[in-house]
């Protein structure tokens, strides 16, 4: 933001409440659910108000000079790098556990007693949806740059459709999964990695919905 803003610190406090509340809720500590709810509400509120301020600065106040735009781009780059490292930790945990399985899980991977999900069912379909959404959102980007409003709207709507189907199918996959997050390292790495990925898809869907509304 151009002017001093309260939203970064408020967003940080909301994320902290969400994280601590989530851990407390999962371990059945008193007040965990309330703290988790407070964190979710705070983060959602900040998302709306922060976007509102940025849109006002850019569209109505004309304060997004080349220097400000460069700062926004740099911030996005740093955010993406942090996301890469975030998921790298999950992949590290998965490959460490799968390539050198310890005796606690039977010395094999998948662990003894775990029935895995076939990769040729919903996972394959969701992969196709994810790749397709990447293609359509790229189409939308180039259409917006080229001033083709109708094409941009069509491609954005397709992207949102793919995203909604992806989230729905992942939810169904979770319901039908023959193991849970408490089933050792396999369940933990699976649900943490795919769960956070699904959460990112939901956030991206909200972002693109805002873009579609503004484009309309």
Protein backbone atom coordinates (compact mmCIF):
# COMPACT_ATOMS: atom_id res chain seq x y z
CA UNK A 1 0.00 0.00 0.00
CA UNK A 2 1.07 3.57 -0.61
CA UNK A 3 -0.13 4.98 2.71
CA UNK A 4 0.63 3.48 6.16
CA UNK A 5 -1.75 0.57 6.60
CA UNK A 6 -2.90 -1.52 9.57
CA UNK A 7 -3.62 -4.58 7.42
CA UNK A 8 -0.18 -6.29 7.44
CA UNK A 9 -0.05 -6.50 11.25
CA UNK A 10 -3.75 -7.39 11.50
CA UNK A 11 -3.29 -10.13 8.88
CA UNK A 12 -0.29 -11.47 10.81
CA UNK A 13 -2.30 -11.59 14.03
CA UNK A 14 -5.15 -13.33 12.23
CA UNK A 15 -2.80 -15.92 10.73
CA UNK A 16 -1.23 -16.52 14.14
CA UNK A 17 -4.65 -16.99 15.73
CA UNK A 18 -5.66 -19.33 12.91
CA UNK A 19 -2.52 -21.46 13.31
CA UNK A 20 -2.55 -21.69 17.10
CA UNK A 21 -6.32 -22.15 17.18
CA UNK A 22 -6.08 -24.92 14.57
CA UNK A 23 -3.49 -26.81 16.62
CA UNK A 24 -5.49 -26.35 19.83
CA UNK A 25 -8.68 -27.48 18.09
CA UNK A 26 -7.05 -30.63 16.68
CA UNK A 27 -5.73 -31.53 20.14
CA UNK A 28 -9.09 -30.82 21.81
CA UNK A 29 -7.82 -27.93 23.93
CA UNK A 30 -10.45 -25.64 25.43
CA UNK A 31 -10.99 -22.49 23.37
CA UNK A 32 -9.28 -23.88 20.29
CA UNK A 33 -12.40 -23.72 18.14
CA UNK A 34 -13.12 -20.12 19.13
CA UNK A 35 -9.53 -19.02 18.44
CA UNK A 36 -9.57 -20.83 15.10
CA UNK A 37 -12.84 -19.13 14.13
CA UNK A 38 -11.45 -15.74 15.16
CA UNK A 39 -8.39 -16.31 12.98
CA UNK A 40 -10.46 -17.33 9.95
CA UNK A 41 -12.78 -14.34 10.31
CA UNK A 42 -9.84 -11.95 10.75
CA UNK A 43 -8.01 -13.27 7.68
CA UNK A 44 -11.15 -13.10 5.52
CA UNK A 45 -11.89 -9.56 6.73
CA UNK A 46 -8.34 -8.41 5.98
CA UNK A 47 -8.51 -10.00 2.52
CA UNK A 48 -11.57 -7.93 1.68
CA UNK A 49 -10.39 -4.64 3.13
CA UNK A 50 -6.83 -4.93 1.82
CA UNK A 51 -8.05 -5.68 -1.70
CA UNK A 52 -10.46 -2.76 -1.42
CA UNK A 53 -7.65 -0.36 -0.52
CA UNK A 54 -5.36 -1.60 -3.29
CA UNK A 55 -8.14 -1.30 -5.88
CA UNK A 56 -8.92 2.23 -4.69
CA UNK A 57 -5.27 3.26 -4.91
CA UNK A 58 -4.85 1.82 -8.39
CA UNK A 59 -8.20 2.55 -10.06
CA UNK A 60 -9.36 5.79 -8.45
CA UNK A 61 -6.40 7.55 -6.81
CA UNK A 62 -3.77 6.80 -9.46
CA UNK A 63 -1.08 6.15 -6.85
CA UNK A 64 0.34 2.99 -8.40
CA UNK A 65 3.37 4.55 -10.07
CA UNK A 66 6.10 2.45 -11.68
CA UNK A 67 7.98 2.39 -8.37
CA UNK A 68 4.91 1.14 -6.48
CA UNK A 69 4.22 -1.48 -9.16
CA UNK A 70 7.81 -2.69 -8.90
CA UNK A 71 7.36 -3.06 -5.15
CA UNK A 72 4.17 -5.07 -5.66
CA UNK A 73 5.92 -7.35 -8.15
CA UNK A 74 8.84 -7.87 -5.78
CA UNK A 75 6.44 -8.67 -2.96
CA UNK A 76 4.69 -11.27 -5.12
CA UNK A 77 8.03 -12.83 -6.09
CA UNK A 78 9.04 -13.13 -2.43
CA UNK A 79 5.64 -14.62 -1.63
CA UNK A 80 6.01 -17.24 -4.37
CA UNK A 81 9.51 -18.12 -3.13
CA UNK A 82 8.15 -18.60 0.39
CA UNK A 83 5.39 -20.83 -1.02
CA UNK A 84 7.96 -22.94 -2.87
CA UNK A 85 9.92 -23.45 0.36
CA UNK A 86 6.70 -24.20 2.25
CA UNK A 87 5.77 -27.08 -0.04
CA UNK A 88 9.39 -28.15 -0.37
CA UNK A 89 9.24 -29.05 3.34
CA UNK A 90 6.30 -31.39 2.71
CA UNK A 91 8.03 -33.04 -0.24
CA UNK A 92 11.17 -33.42 1.87
CA UNK A 93 9.15 -35.17 4.58
CA UNK A 94 7.49 -37.44 2.02
CA UNK A 95 10.67 -38.48 0.19
CA UNK A 96 12.62 -38.93 3.42
CA UNK A 97 9.92 -41.22 4.78
CA UNK A 98 9.34 -43.14 1.53
CA UNK A 99 12.94 -43.64 0.38
CA UNK A 100 14.24 -44.70 3.80
CA UNK A 101 11.25 -46.18 5.68
CA UNK A 102 12.01 -46.87 9.33
CA UNK A 103 11.15 -50.02 11.26
CA UNK A 104 8.27 -48.25 13.06
CA UNK A 105 6.19 -48.43 9.87
CA UNK A 106 7.35 -51.92 8.91
CA UNK A 107 10.42 -50.89 6.93
CA UNK A 108 8.35 -50.56 3.74
CA UNK A 109 6.50 -47.83 1.87
CA UNK A 110 3.53 -47.49 1.93
CA UNK A 111 3.54 -48.46 5.61
CA UNK A 112 2.11 -51.78 6.69
CA UNK A 113 -1.68 -51.66 6.94
CA UNK A 114 -2.14 -48.62 4.66
CA UNK A 115 -4.41 -49.01 1.64
CA UNK A 116 -3.33 -46.37 -0.87
CA UNK A 117 -5.55 -44.38 -3.24
CA UNK A 118 -5.23 -45.36 -6.90
CA UNK A 119 -3.55 -42.55 -8.87
CA UNK A 120 -5.62 -43.38 -11.97
CA UNK A 121 -8.97 -42.28 -10.54
CA UNK A 122 -9.79 -38.91 -8.98
CA UNK A 123 -6.11 -37.91 -8.61
CA UNK A 124 -5.60 -38.19 -12.39
CA UNK A 125 -8.83 -36.30 -13.11
CA UNK A 126 -7.84 -33.54 -10.68
CA UNK A 127 -4.41 -33.30 -12.30
CA UNK A 128 -6.05 -32.79 -15.70
CA UNK A 129 -8.36 -30.15 -14.22
CA UNK A 130 -5.41 -28.38 -12.61
CA UNK A 131 -3.37 -28.30 -15.82
CA UNK A 132 -6.41 -27.18 -17.80
CA UNK A 133 -7.06 -24.33 -15.37
CA UNK A 134 -3.45 -23.21 -15.80
CA UNK A 135 -3.97 -23.07 -19.56
CA UNK A 136 -7.26 -21.17 -19.34
CA UNK A 137 -5.98 -18.60 -16.83
CA UNK A 138 -2.99 -17.97 -19.12
CA UNK A 139 -5.47 -17.48 -21.95
CA UNK A 140 -7.34 -14.99 -19.74
CA UNK A 141 -4.12 -13.09 -18.99
CA UNK A 142 -3.22 -12.69 -22.66
CA UNK A 143 -6.81 -11.74 -23.52
CA UNK A 144 -6.78 -8.99 -20.88
CA UNK A 145 -3.41 -7.69 -22.12
CA UNK A 146 -4.78 -7.69 -25.66
CA UNK A 147 -7.98 -5.90 -24.65
CA UNK A 148 -10.22 -8.83 -25.61
CA UNK A 149 -12.87 -8.58 -22.91
CA UNK A 150 -15.18 -11.35 -24.17
CA UNK A 151 -12.33 -13.86 -24.44
CA UNK A 152 -11.02 -12.84 -21.02
CA UNK A 153 -14.42 -13.41 -19.42
CA UNK A 154 -14.90 -16.78 -21.12
CA UNK A 155 -11.47 -18.05 -20.11
CA UNK A 156 -11.85 -16.78 -16.53
CA UNK A 157 -15.22 -18.50 -16.18
CA UNK A 158 -13.69 -21.73 -17.49
CA UNK A 159 -10.85 -21.41 -14.98
CA UNK A 160 -13.30 -20.91 -12.11
CA UNK A 161 -15.33 -23.91 -13.27
CA UNK A 162 -12.22 -26.11 -13.29
CA UNK A 163 -11.25 -24.83 -9.83
CA UNK A 164 -14.67 -25.56 -8.34
CA UNK A 165 -14.70 -29.07 -9.80
CA UNK A 166 -11.16 -29.65 -8.51
CA UNK A 167 -12.11 -28.63 -4.97
CA UNK A 168 -15.27 -30.74 -5.07
CA UNK A 169 -13.43 -33.84 -6.28
CA UNK A 170 -10.71 -33.40 -3.67
CA UNK A 171 -13.38 -33.19 -0.98
CA UNK A 172 -14.90 -36.43 -2.29
CA UNK A 173 -11.45 -38.01 -2.32
CA UNK A 174 -10.98 -37.11 1.33
CA UNK A 175 -14.34 -38.62 2.24
CA UNK A 176 -13.55 -41.90 0.47
CA UNK A 177 -9.90 -42.12 1.58
CA UNK A 178 -9.22 -45.46 3.34
CA UNK A 179 -6.84 -43.76 5.80
CA UNK A 180 -6.85 -40.59 7.91
CA UNK A 181 -4.39 -37.89 8.93
CA UNK A 182 -3.74 -39.80 12.17
CA UNK A 183 -2.51 -42.92 10.33
CA UNK A 184 1.18 -42.29 10.86
CA UNK A 185 3.57 -40.46 8.58
CA UNK A 186 1.77 -41.54 5.40
CA UNK A 187 -1.56 -40.02 6.41
CA UNK A 188 0.12 -36.93 7.84
CA UNK A 189 2.17 -36.10 4.74
CA UNK A 190 -0.72 -36.90 2.38
CA UNK A 191 -3.36 -34.78 4.08
CA UNK A 192 -1.02 -31.92 5.01
CA UNK A 193 0.41 -31.56 1.49
CA UNK A 194 -2.83 -32.06 -0.43
CA UNK A 195 -4.84 -30.15 2.17
CA UNK A 196 -2.67 -27.05 1.99
CA UNK A 197 -2.64 -27.33 -1.79
CA UNK A 198 -6.43 -27.49 -1.80
CA UNK A 199 -6.50 -24.47 0.52
CA UNK A 200 -4.36 -22.56 -1.98
CA UNK A 201 -6.76 -23.53 -4.76
CA UNK A 202 -9.67 -22.14 -2.72
CA UNK A 203 -7.80 -18.87 -2.10
CA UNK A 204 -6.91 -18.67 -5.79
CA UNK A 205 -10.56 -19.26 -6.68
CA UNK A 206 -11.53 -16.31 -4.48
CA UNK A 207 -8.85 -14.16 -6.14
CA UNK A 208 -10.06 -15.06 -9.63
CA UNK A 209 -13.68 -14.52 -8.64
CA UNK A 210 -12.78 -10.95 -7.64
CA UNK A 211 -10.98 -10.53 -10.97
CA UNK A 212 -14.02 -11.86 -12.86
CA UNK A 213 -16.35 -9.48 -11.01
CA UNK A 214 -14.09 -6.51 -11.78
CA UNK A 215 -13.76 -7.58 -15.41
CA UNK A 216 -17.54 -7.84 -15.75
